[in-house]
């Protein structure tokens, strides 16, 4: 049995996750402190034929996912069960468990799985989101070079509280494509190759990782555009809600869950709890990352 910390929770797992932050053996023995479980699926937890045919379902008490890697069941915001198909790639299995499956669990806990990088500067979190290729990893690296800490590279957990929205850190690794890892001076043979379609590596960030929850200061939505220089605009009203909604990791799995009144109201309140900025940068790549960083820091 392995025991890890993720998103402020103590996780007990039968599957090893080399990228997660391990906790001490003493903590792992305190079963009453465990918040989440990941276990292999038994016959009693098997999915129904209707669920398997539907491929996925997202609910407050029961969610599931079926793909070529395996079958996954999420219950009551606490339990995750998995069944790996024969010859399943172990890194794909881990990726789905920490990606879509964990996002479903966070949804059951009324938390948002935001598809973004999250950096901590002066005790506050900046969420960096945008489409693939928009420059999220480059901007994140610039923040880290200027003394910020990493909280999440792919999914940040965000929860609305009476004091505002709180960002809960993921794990002390950053995913970088081969070219980005080489550009930052890493030796590829010293990194974990996660064998994804995008040819990515896991880069250890333990010395630059912030494990404590922090208040969300702002969200940045990066977008390459036909502009000659960087443009920054704070979003308001429905634009703000639209960007926040589209930045959810589960947004690619549409369904009735997105139209539930409770979810819509919580989304609206959370999106309004911190400023969201649209940052347009020249799509020809003429703007340096340092200039983008300076403009954002000046907000």
C-alpha atoms as a PDB file:
ATOM      1  CA  UNK A   1       0.000   0.000   0.000  1.00  0.00           C
ATOM      2  CA  UNK A   2       1.294   3.449  -0.937  1.00  0.00           C
ATOM      3  CA  UNK A   3       0.364   6.722   0.730  1.00  0.00           C
ATOM      4  CA  UNK A   4       0.567  10.156  -0.899  1.00  0.00           C
ATOM      5  CA  UNK A   5      -0.491  13.764  -0.539  1.00  0.00           C
ATOM      6  CA  UNK A   6      -2.435  15.420  -3.347  1.00  0.00           C
ATOM      7  CA  UNK A   7      -4.789  18.435  -3.410  1.00  0.00           C
ATOM      8  CA  UNK A   8      -4.633  18.667   0.369  1.00  0.00           C
ATOM      9  CA  UNK A   9      -5.833  15.068   0.765  1.00  0.00           C
ATOM     10  CA  UNK A  10      -4.145  11.977   2.141  1.00  0.00           C
ATOM     11  CA  UNK A  11      -4.373   9.292  -0.548  1.00  0.00           C
ATOM     12  CA  UNK A  12      -3.998   5.556   0.054  1.00  0.00           C
ATOM     13  CA  UNK A  13      -3.320   3.572  -3.143  1.00  0.00           C
ATOM     14  CA  UNK A  14      -2.598   0.008  -4.207  1.00  0.00           C
ATOM     15  CA  UNK A  15      -0.928   1.462  -7.320  1.00  0.00           C
ATOM     16  CA  UNK A  16       2.412   3.259  -7.141  1.00  0.00           C
ATOM     17  CA  UNK A  17       2.611   6.848  -8.418  1.00  0.00           C
ATOM     18  CA  UNK A  18       6.279   7.929  -8.717  1.00  0.00           C
ATOM     19  CA  UNK A  19       5.248  11.537  -9.383  1.00  0.00           C
ATOM     20  CA  UNK A  20       3.209  12.039  -6.220  1.00  0.00           C
ATOM     21  CA  UNK A  21       4.430  13.422  -2.907  1.00  0.00           C
ATOM     22  CA  UNK A  22       4.863  10.533  -0.474  1.00  0.00           C
ATOM     23  CA  UNK A  23       3.943  10.858   3.181  1.00  0.00           C
ATOM     24  CA  UNK A  24       5.610   9.161   6.130  1.00  0.00           C
ATOM     25  CA  UNK A  25       4.900   5.573   7.126  1.00  0.00           C
ATOM     26  CA  UNK A  26       3.477   6.848  10.417  1.00  0.00           C
ATOM     27  CA  UNK A  27       0.863   8.899   8.588  1.00  0.00           C
ATOM     28  CA  UNK A  28      -0.016   6.055   6.235  1.00  0.00           C
ATOM     29  CA  UNK A  29      -0.788   3.802   9.189  1.00  0.00           C
ATOM     30  CA  UNK A  30      -3.380   6.231  10.536  1.00  0.00           C
ATOM     31  CA  UNK A  31      -6.330   4.906   8.542  1.00  0.00           C
ATOM     32  CA  UNK A  32      -8.754   7.411  10.063  1.00  0.00           C
ATOM     33  CA  UNK A  33      -6.763  10.222   8.416  1.00  0.00           C
ATOM     34  CA  UNK A  34      -7.025   8.831   4.877  1.00  0.00           C
ATOM     35  CA  UNK A  35      -9.263  10.969   2.650  1.00  0.00           C
ATOM     36  CA  UNK A  36      -9.093   9.106  -0.666  1.00  0.00           C
ATOM     37  CA  UNK A  37      -8.554   5.525  -1.804  1.00  0.00           C
ATOM     38  CA  UNK A  38      -7.399   4.099  -5.131  1.00  0.00           C
ATOM     39  CA  UNK A  39      -7.892   0.338  -5.395  1.00  0.00           C
ATOM     40  CA  UNK A  40      -8.201  -2.372  -7.998  1.00  0.00           C
ATOM     41  CA  UNK A  41     -11.793  -3.090  -8.938  1.00  0.00           C
ATOM     42  CA  UNK A  42     -13.403  -6.252  -7.607  1.00  0.00           C
ATOM     43  CA  UNK A  43     -16.458  -8.016  -9.046  1.00  0.00           C
ATOM     44  CA  UNK A  44     -18.694  -6.256  -6.519  1.00  0.00           C
ATOM     45  CA  UNK A  45     -17.631  -2.852  -7.903  1.00  0.00           C
ATOM     46  CA  UNK A  46     -17.844  -3.828 -11.574  1.00  0.00           C
ATOM     47  CA  UNK A  47     -19.592  -1.437 -13.945  1.00  0.00           C
ATOM     48  CA  UNK A  48     -22.956  -2.313 -15.446  1.00  0.00           C
ATOM     49  CA  UNK A  49     -23.244  -3.076 -19.165  1.00  0.00           C
ATOM     50  CA  UNK A  50     -25.140   0.221 -19.630  1.00  0.00           C
ATOM     51  CA  UNK A  51     -22.312   2.172 -18.005  1.00  0.00           C
ATOM     52  CA  UNK A  52     -19.683   0.427 -20.120  1.00  0.00           C
ATOM     53  CA  UNK A  53     -21.589   1.232 -23.302  1.00  0.00           C
ATOM     54  CA  UNK A  54     -22.012   4.887 -22.269  1.00  0.00           C
ATOM     55  CA  UNK A  55     -18.208   5.220 -21.791  1.00  0.00           C
ATOM     56  CA  UNK A  56     -18.513   7.847 -19.082  1.00  0.00           C
ATOM     57  CA  UNK A  57     -20.935   9.351 -16.616  1.00  0.00           C
ATOM     58  CA  UNK A  58     -20.466  12.207 -14.161  1.00  0.00           C
ATOM     59  CA  UNK A  59     -22.570  12.333 -11.010  1.00  0.00           C
ATOM     60  CA  UNK A  60     -22.367  13.615  -7.453  1.00  0.00           C
ATOM     61  CA  UNK A  61     -22.280  10.132  -5.913  1.00  0.00           C
ATOM     62  CA  UNK A  62     -21.186   7.862  -8.776  1.00  0.00           C
ATOM     63  CA  UNK A  63     -19.059   8.547 -11.855  1.00  0.00           C
ATOM     64  CA  UNK A  64     -17.311   6.228 -14.278  1.00  0.00           C
ATOM     65  CA  UNK A  65     -14.991   6.164 -17.269  1.00  0.00           C
ATOM     66  CA  UNK A  66     -14.300   3.430 -19.825  1.00  0.00           C
ATOM     67  CA  UNK A  67     -11.542   3.577 -22.449  1.00  0.00           C
ATOM     68  CA  UNK A  68      -8.896   1.419 -24.128  1.00  0.00           C
ATOM     69  CA  UNK A  69      -6.698   1.564 -21.027  1.00  0.00           C
ATOM     70  CA  UNK A  70      -9.226   0.422 -18.445  1.00  0.00           C
ATOM     71  CA  UNK A  71     -12.424   0.918 -16.512  1.00  0.00           C
ATOM     72  CA  UNK A  72     -12.725   3.378 -13.633  1.00  0.00           C
ATOM     73  CA  UNK A  73     -15.368   3.914 -10.951  1.00  0.00           C
ATOM     74  CA  UNK A  74     -15.514   6.952  -8.643  1.00  0.00           C
ATOM     75  CA  UNK A  75     -17.822   6.958  -5.605  1.00  0.00           C
ATOM     76  CA  UNK A  76     -18.869   9.594  -3.085  1.00  0.00           C
ATOM     77  CA  UNK A  77     -15.799  11.782  -3.537  1.00  0.00           C
ATOM     78  CA  UNK A  78     -13.695   9.252  -1.660  1.00  0.00           C
ATOM     79  CA  UNK A  79     -13.215   5.955  -3.511  1.00  0.00           C
ATOM     80  CA  UNK A  80     -11.610   5.236  -6.885  1.00  0.00           C
ATOM     81  CA  UNK A  81     -11.613   1.737  -8.341  1.00  0.00           C
ATOM     82  CA  UNK A  82      -9.780   0.735 -11.508  1.00  0.00           C
ATOM     83  CA  UNK A  83      -9.507  -2.294 -13.768  1.00  0.00           C
ATOM     84  CA  UNK A  84      -6.631  -2.188 -16.255  1.00  0.00           C
ATOM     85  CA  UNK A  85      -7.173  -3.925 -19.568  1.00  0.00           C
ATOM     86  CA  UNK A  86      -4.688  -6.551 -20.669  1.00  0.00           C
ATOM     87  CA  UNK A  87      -1.397  -5.030 -21.857  1.00  0.00           C
ATOM     88  CA  UNK A  88      -2.491  -1.563 -20.687  1.00  0.00           C
ATOM     89  CA  UNK A  89       0.280   1.035 -20.584  1.00  0.00           C
ATOM     90  CA  UNK A  90       0.982   1.740 -16.893  1.00  0.00           C
ATOM     91  CA  UNK A  91       1.700   5.432 -17.520  1.00  0.00           C
ATOM     92  CA  UNK A  92      -1.561   5.843 -19.418  1.00  0.00           C
ATOM     93  CA  UNK A  93      -3.318   4.193 -16.469  1.00  0.00           C
ATOM     94  CA  UNK A  94      -1.694   6.607 -14.023  1.00  0.00           C
ATOM     95  CA  UNK A  95      -2.449   9.521 -16.336  1.00  0.00           C
ATOM     96  CA  UNK A  96      -6.172   8.729 -16.470  1.00  0.00           C
ATOM     97  CA  UNK A  97      -6.353   8.177 -12.701  1.00  0.00           C
ATOM     98  CA  UNK A  98      -4.719  11.539 -11.961  1.00  0.00           C
ATOM     99  CA  UNK A  99      -6.519  13.257 -14.846  1.00  0.00           C
ATOM    100  CA  UNK A 100     -10.150  12.610 -15.733  1.00  0.00           C
ATOM    101  CA  UNK A 101     -10.770  10.256 -12.816  1.00  0.00           C
ATOM    102  CA  UNK A 102      -9.391  12.617 -10.165  1.00  0.00           C
ATOM    103  CA  UNK A 103     -11.296  15.488 -11.797  1.00  0.00           C
ATOM    104  CA  UNK A 104     -14.515  13.484 -11.414  1.00  0.00           C
ATOM    105  CA  UNK A 105     -13.729  12.910  -7.754  1.00  0.00           C
ATOM    106  CA  UNK A 106     -13.069  16.616  -7.186  1.00  0.00           C
ATOM    107  CA  UNK A 107     -16.416  17.394  -8.826  1.00  0.00           C
ATOM    108  CA  UNK A 108     -18.109  15.116  -6.299  1.00  0.00           C
ATOM    109  CA  UNK A 109     -16.440  17.181  -3.572  1.00  0.00           C
ATOM    110  CA  UNK A 110     -17.747  20.457  -5.061  1.00  0.00           C
ATOM    111  CA  UNK A 111     -14.226  21.406  -6.153  1.00  0.00           C
ATOM    112  CA  UNK A 112     -13.078  22.467  -9.599  1.00  0.00           C
ATOM    113  CA  UNK A 113     -10.373  20.637 -11.519  1.00  0.00           C
ATOM    114  CA  UNK A 114      -8.935  23.536 -13.507  1.00  0.00           C
ATOM    115  CA  UNK A 115      -6.865  22.594 -16.561  1.00  0.00           C
ATOM    116  CA  UNK A 116      -3.924  24.917 -15.981  1.00  0.00           C
ATOM    117  CA  UNK A 117      -0.512  25.533 -14.563  1.00  0.00           C
ATOM    118  CA  UNK A 118      -0.593  27.118 -11.110  1.00  0.00           C
ATOM    119  CA  UNK A 119       2.268  29.128  -9.619  1.00  0.00           C
ATOM    120  CA  UNK A 120       2.555  30.627  -6.144  1.00  0.00           C
ATOM    121  CA  UNK A 121       4.071  34.093  -5.692  1.00  0.00           C
ATOM    122  CA  UNK A 122       4.077  35.894  -2.356  1.00  0.00           C
ATOM    123  CA  UNK A 123       1.571  33.419  -0.924  1.00  0.00           C
ATOM    124  CA  UNK A 124      -0.996  33.771  -3.713  1.00  0.00           C
ATOM    125  CA  UNK A 125      -1.800  31.549  -6.694  1.00  0.00           C
ATOM    126  CA  UNK A 126      -1.874  32.555 -10.343  1.00  0.00           C
ATOM    127  CA  UNK A 127      -3.692  30.100 -12.623  1.00  0.00           C
ATOM    128  CA  UNK A 128      -2.261  29.996 -16.158  1.00  0.00           C
ATOM    129  CA  UNK A 129      -4.592  28.455 -18.709  1.00  0.00           C
ATOM    130  CA  UNK A 130      -5.177  28.481 -22.465  1.00  0.00           C
ATOM    131  CA  UNK A 131      -5.336  26.233 -25.497  1.00  0.00           C
ATOM    132  CA  UNK A 132      -2.555  23.776 -26.330  1.00  0.00           C
ATOM    133  CA  UNK A 133       0.436  25.655 -27.742  1.00  0.00           C
ATOM    134  CA  UNK A 134      -0.554  28.992 -26.215  1.00  0.00           C
ATOM    135  CA  UNK A 135       2.647  29.227 -24.153  1.00  0.00           C
ATOM    136  CA  UNK A 136       1.516  28.030 -20.704  1.00  0.00           C
ATOM    137  CA  UNK A 137       4.686  26.023 -20.004  1.00  0.00           C
ATOM    138  CA  UNK A 138       6.950  28.854 -21.181  1.00  0.00           C
ATOM    139  CA  UNK A 139       5.195  31.426 -19.007  1.00  0.00           C
ATOM    140  CA  UNK A 140       5.203  29.030 -16.037  1.00  0.00           C
ATOM    141  CA  UNK A 141       8.958  28.548 -16.446  1.00  0.00           C
ATOM    142  CA  UNK A 142       9.407  32.335 -16.455  1.00  0.00           C
ATOM    143  CA  UNK A 143       7.491  32.657 -13.169  1.00  0.00           C
ATOM    144  CA  UNK A 144       9.662  29.939 -11.620  1.00  0.00           C
ATOM    145  CA  UNK A 145      12.839  31.653 -12.797  1.00  0.00           C
ATOM    146  CA  UNK A 146      11.685  34.778 -10.968  1.00  0.00           C
ATOM    147  CA  UNK A 147      11.252  32.943  -7.658  1.00  0.00           C
ATOM    148  CA  UNK A 148       7.672  31.659  -7.822  1.00  0.00           C
ATOM    149  CA  UNK A 149       6.790  28.142  -6.684  1.00  0.00           C
ATOM    150  CA  UNK A 150       4.947  25.488  -8.684  1.00  0.00           C
ATOM    151  CA  UNK A 151       1.594  24.274  -7.348  1.00  0.00           C
ATOM    152  CA  UNK A 152       0.271  22.366 -10.366  1.00  0.00           C
ATOM    153  CA  UNK A 153       1.286  21.697 -13.935  1.00  0.00           C
ATOM    154  CA  UNK A 154      -1.809  20.113 -15.484  1.00  0.00           C
ATOM    155  CA  UNK A 155      -4.692  20.227 -12.994  1.00  0.00           C
ATOM    156  CA  UNK A 156      -5.118  22.580 -10.039  1.00  0.00           C
ATOM    157  CA  UNK A 157      -7.909  21.924  -7.554  1.00  0.00           C
ATOM    158  CA  UNK A 158      -9.865  25.075  -6.708  1.00  0.00           C
ATOM    159  CA  UNK A 159     -12.437  25.326  -3.931  1.00  0.00           C
ATOM    160  CA  UNK A 160     -14.664  28.272  -3.071  1.00  0.00           C
ATOM    161  CA  UNK A 161     -14.670  29.153   0.633  1.00  0.00           C
ATOM    162  CA  UNK A 162     -16.093  32.028   2.682  1.00  0.00           C
ATOM    163  CA  UNK A 163     -12.696  33.748   2.427  1.00  0.00           C
ATOM    164  CA  UNK A 164     -12.455  33.286  -1.362  1.00  0.00           C
ATOM    165  CA  UNK A 165     -11.159  30.631  -3.742  1.00  0.00           C
ATOM    166  CA  UNK A 166      -8.309  28.390  -2.601  1.00  0.00           C
ATOM    167  CA  UNK A 167      -5.842  26.581  -4.877  1.00  0.00           C
ATOM    168  CA  UNK A 168      -4.785  23.112  -3.693  1.00  0.00           C
ATOM    169  CA  UNK A 169      -1.428  21.857  -5.067  1.00  0.00           C
ATOM    170  CA  UNK A 170      -1.035  18.695  -7.138  1.00  0.00           C
ATOM    171  CA  UNK A 171       2.443  17.115  -7.154  1.00  0.00           C
ATOM    172  CA  UNK A 172       6.090  18.276  -7.519  1.00  0.00           C
ATOM    173  CA  UNK A 173       6.616  17.465 -11.201  1.00  0.00           C
ATOM    174  CA  UNK A 174       6.175  19.398 -14.399  1.00  0.00           C
ATOM    175  CA  UNK A 175       5.294  17.845 -17.763  1.00  0.00           C
ATOM    176  CA  UNK A 176       7.453  19.136 -20.613  1.00  0.00           C
ATOM    177  CA  UNK A 177       7.586  18.129 -24.267  1.00  0.00           C
ATOM    178  CA  UNK A 178      10.981  17.007 -25.507  1.00  0.00           C
ATOM    179  CA  UNK A 179      11.937  20.347 -27.130  1.00  0.00           C
ATOM    180  CA  UNK A 180      10.937  22.364 -24.041  1.00  0.00           C
ATOM    181  CA  UNK A 181      12.900  20.063 -21.717  1.00  0.00           C
ATOM    182  CA  UNK A 182      16.008  20.366 -23.899  1.00  0.00           C
ATOM    183  CA  UNK A 183      15.591  24.135 -24.186  1.00  0.00           C
ATOM    184  CA  UNK A 184      15.588  24.424 -20.389  1.00  0.00           C
ATOM    185  CA  UNK A 185      18.820  22.427 -20.141  1.00  0.00           C
ATOM    186  CA  UNK A 186      17.527  19.106 -18.789  1.00  0.00           C
ATOM    187  CA  UNK A 187      19.241  15.797 -19.507  1.00  0.00           C
ATOM    188  CA  UNK A 188      16.475  13.615 -20.928  1.00  0.00           C
ATOM    189  CA  UNK A 189      17.987  10.363 -19.622  1.00  0.00           C
ATOM    190  CA  UNK A 190      17.610  11.733 -16.077  1.00  0.00           C
ATOM    191  CA  UNK A 191      13.864  12.407 -16.462  1.00  0.00           C
ATOM    192  CA  UNK A 192      10.802  10.151 -16.330  1.00  0.00           C
ATOM    193  CA  UNK A 193       9.477   9.542 -19.833  1.00  0.00           C
ATOM    194  CA  UNK A 194       5.709   9.195 -19.577  1.00  0.00           C
ATOM    195  CA  UNK A 195       5.216   7.870 -23.110  1.00  0.00           C
ATOM    196  CA  UNK A 196       2.326  10.131 -24.028  1.00  0.00           C
ATOM    197  CA  UNK A 197       1.227  10.976 -27.552  1.00  0.00           C
ATOM    198  CA  UNK A 198       2.832  14.408 -27.140  1.00  0.00           C
ATOM    199  CA  UNK A 199       6.234  12.882 -26.254  1.00  0.00           C
ATOM    200  CA  UNK A 200       6.464  14.337 -22.741  1.00  0.00           C
ATOM    201  CA  UNK A 201       8.798  13.973 -19.779  1.00  0.00           C
ATOM    202  CA  UNK A 202       8.219  14.441 -16.055  1.00  0.00           C
ATOM    203  CA  UNK A 203      10.635  17.017 -14.655  1.00  0.00           C
ATOM    204  CA  UNK A 204      11.145  16.923 -10.856  1.00  0.00           C
ATOM    205  CA  UNK A 205      10.333  20.235  -9.163  1.00  0.00           C
ATOM    206  CA  UNK A 206      10.585  19.352  -5.465  1.00  0.00           C
ATOM    207  CA  UNK A 207      12.778  22.340  -4.606  1.00  0.00           C
ATOM    208  CA  UNK A 208      10.376  24.693  -6.404  1.00  0.00           C
ATOM    209  CA  UNK A 209       7.131  23.113  -5.234  1.00  0.00           C
ATOM    210  CA  UNK A 210       4.652  24.715  -2.841  1.00  0.00           C
ATOM    211  CA  UNK A 211       2.660  22.029  -1.026  1.00  0.00           C
ATOM    212  CA  UNK A 212       0.406  24.344   1.006  1.00  0.00           C
ATOM    213  CA  UNK A 213      -2.980  25.613  -0.208  1.00  0.00           C
ATOM    214  CA  UNK A 214      -2.987  29.283  -1.211  1.00  0.00           C
ATOM    215  CA  UNK A 215      -5.678  31.826  -2.130  1.00  0.00           C
ATOM    216  CA  UNK A 216      -6.235  32.354  -5.844  1.00  0.00           C
ATOM    217  CA  UNK A 217      -5.091  35.825  -6.871  1.00  0.00           C
ATOM    218  CA  UNK A 218      -6.026  35.682 -10.578  1.00  0.00           C
ATOM    219  CA  UNK A 219      -6.462  33.538 -13.668  1.00  0.00           C
ATOM    220  CA  UNK A 220      -4.587  34.218 -16.910  1.00  0.00           C
ATOM    221  CA  UNK A 221      -6.016  32.925 -20.187  1.00  0.00           C
ATOM    222  CA  UNK A 222      -3.300  32.908 -22.858  1.00  0.00           C
ATOM    223  CA  UNK A 223      -4.277  33.074 -26.509  1.00  0.00           C
ATOM    224  CA  UNK A 224      -2.112  33.513 -29.630  1.00  0.00           C
ATOM    225  CA  UNK A 225      -3.794  36.111 -31.877  1.00  0.00           C
ATOM    226  CA  UNK A 226      -3.155  38.231 -34.995  1.00  0.00           C
ATOM    227  CA  UNK A 227      -1.832  41.150 -32.929  1.00  0.00           C
ATOM    228  CA  UNK A 228       1.505  42.984 -33.159  1.00  0.00           C
ATOM    229  CA  UNK A 229       2.041  43.284 -29.389  1.00  0.00           C
ATOM    230  CA  UNK A 230       0.722  41.817 -26.154  1.00  0.00           C
ATOM    231  CA  UNK A 231      -2.770  42.887 -25.190  1.00  0.00           C
ATOM    232  CA  UNK A 232      -4.242  42.374 -21.715  1.00  0.00           C
ATOM    233  CA  UNK A 233      -7.912  42.751 -20.888  1.00  0.00           C
ATOM    234  CA  UNK A 234      -9.818  41.878 -17.715  1.00  0.00           C
ATOM    235  CA  UNK A 235     -12.918  39.845 -18.480  1.00  0.00           C
ATOM    236  CA  UNK A 236     -16.303  40.692 -17.018  1.00  0.00           C
ATOM    237  CA  UNK A 237     -19.667  39.012 -16.545  1.00  0.00           C
ATOM    238  CA  UNK A 238     -20.471  36.141 -18.883  1.00  0.00           C
ATOM    239  CA  UNK A 239     -17.049  36.325 -20.558  1.00  0.00           C
ATOM    240  CA  UNK A 240     -15.472  35.629 -17.190  1.00  0.00           C
ATOM    241  CA  UNK A 241     -17.798  32.679 -16.561  1.00  0.00           C
ATOM    242  CA  UNK A 242     -17.263  31.363 -20.099  1.00  0.00           C
ATOM    243  CA  UNK A 243     -13.461  31.242 -19.752  1.00  0.00           C
ATOM    244  CA  UNK A 244     -13.639  29.670 -16.290  1.00  0.00           C
ATOM    245  CA  UNK A 245     -16.132  27.055 -17.516  1.00  0.00           C
ATOM    246  CA  UNK A 246     -14.040  26.208 -20.584  1.00  0.00           C
ATOM    247  CA  UNK A 247     -10.934  25.851 -18.420  1.00  0.00           C
ATOM    248  CA  UNK A 248     -12.420  22.920 -16.510  1.00  0.00           C
ATOM    249  CA  UNK A 249     -10.619  19.631 -17.124  1.00  0.00           C
ATOM    250  CA  UNK A 250     -13.966  17.852 -17.443  1.00  0.00           C
ATOM    251  CA  UNK A 251     -15.278  20.304 -20.041  1.00  0.00           C
ATOM    252  CA  UNK A 252     -14.301  17.842 -22.777  1.00  0.00           C
ATOM    253  CA  UNK A 253     -16.813  15.350 -21.301  1.00  0.00           C
ATOM    254  CA  UNK A 254     -20.109  17.239 -21.791  1.00  0.00           C
ATOM    255  CA  UNK A 255     -23.331  16.126 -20.171  1.00  0.00           C
ATOM    256  CA  UNK A 256     -26.216  17.049 -17.927  1.00  0.00           C
ATOM    257  CA  UNK A 257     -23.805  17.599 -15.053  1.00  0.00           C
ATOM    258  CA  UNK A 258     -22.739  20.941 -16.618  1.00  0.00           C
ATOM    259  CA  UNK A 259     -26.324  22.189 -16.619  1.00  0.00           C
ATOM    260  CA  UNK A 260     -27.180  21.298 -13.021  1.00  0.00           C
ATOM    261  CA  UNK A 261     -28.274  24.362 -11.051  1.00  0.00           C
ATOM    262  CA  UNK A 262     -25.918  23.661  -8.139  1.00  0.00           C
ATOM    263  CA  UNK A 263     -22.917  23.392 -10.471  1.00  0.00           C
ATOM    264  CA  UNK A 264     -23.859  26.509 -12.446  1.00  0.00           C
ATOM    265  CA  UNK A 265     -24.277  28.624  -9.317  1.00  0.00           C
ATOM    266  CA  UNK A 266     -21.009  27.401  -7.836  1.00  0.00           C
ATOM    267  CA  UNK A 267     -19.220  28.092 -11.140  1.00  0.00           C
ATOM    268  CA  UNK A 268     -20.623  31.613 -11.262  1.00  0.00           C
ATOM    269  CA  UNK A 269     -19.583  32.420  -7.681  1.00  0.00           C
ATOM    270  CA  UNK A 270     -16.119  30.913  -8.086  1.00  0.00           C
ATOM    271  CA  UNK A 271     -15.429  32.687 -11.389  1.00  0.00           C
ATOM    272  CA  UNK A 272     -16.413  35.977  -9.741  1.00  0.00           C
ATOM    273  CA  UNK A 273     -14.148  35.422  -6.720  1.00  0.00           C
ATOM    274  CA  UNK A 274     -10.933  36.407  -8.531  1.00  0.00           C
ATOM    275  CA  UNK A 275     -10.087  38.472 -11.642  1.00  0.00           C
ATOM    276  CA  UNK A 276      -9.676  36.664 -14.975  1.00  0.00           C
ATOM    277  CA  UNK A 277      -7.529  38.247 -17.681  1.00  0.00           C
ATOM    278  CA  UNK A 278      -7.381  37.519 -21.394  1.00  0.00           C
ATOM    279  CA  UNK A 279      -3.788  37.854 -22.613  1.00  0.00           C
ATOM    280  CA  UNK A 280      -3.404  38.027 -26.389  1.00  0.00           C
ATOM    281  CA  UNK A 281       0.103  37.504 -27.689  1.00  0.00           C
ATOM    282  CA  UNK A 282       1.401  37.625 -31.277  1.00  0.00           C
ATOM    283  CA  UNK A 283       0.799  34.266 -32.907  1.00  0.00           C
ATOM    284  CA  UNK A 284       4.046  34.575 -34.881  1.00  0.00           C
ATOM    285  CA  UNK A 285       5.963  34.163 -31.626  1.00  0.00           C
ATOM    286  CA  UNK A 286       7.678  37.540 -31.924  1.00  0.00           C
ATOM    287  CA  UNK A 287       7.006  38.456 -28.283  1.00  0.00           C
ATOM    288  CA  UNK A 288       9.559  37.237 -25.752  1.00  0.00           C
ATOM    289  CA  UNK A 289       8.393  35.299 -22.714  1.00  0.00           C
ATOM    290  CA  UNK A 290      10.017  37.848 -20.409  1.00  0.00           C
ATOM    291  CA  UNK A 291       7.841  40.614 -21.847  1.00  0.00           C
ATOM    292  CA  UNK A 292       4.715  38.516 -21.359  1.00  0.00           C
ATOM    293  CA  UNK A 293       5.771  37.861 -17.764  1.00  0.00           C
ATOM    294  CA  UNK A 294       6.377  41.575 -17.093  1.00  0.00           C
ATOM    295  CA  UNK A 295       3.000  42.566 -18.468  1.00  0.00           C
ATOM    296  CA  UNK A 296       1.219  39.998 -16.329  1.00  0.00           C
ATOM    297  CA  UNK A 297       3.153  40.931 -13.182  1.00  0.00           C
ATOM    298  CA  UNK A 298       2.159  44.552 -13.768  1.00  0.00           C
ATOM    299  CA  UNK A 299      -1.550  43.740 -13.604  1.00  0.00           C
END
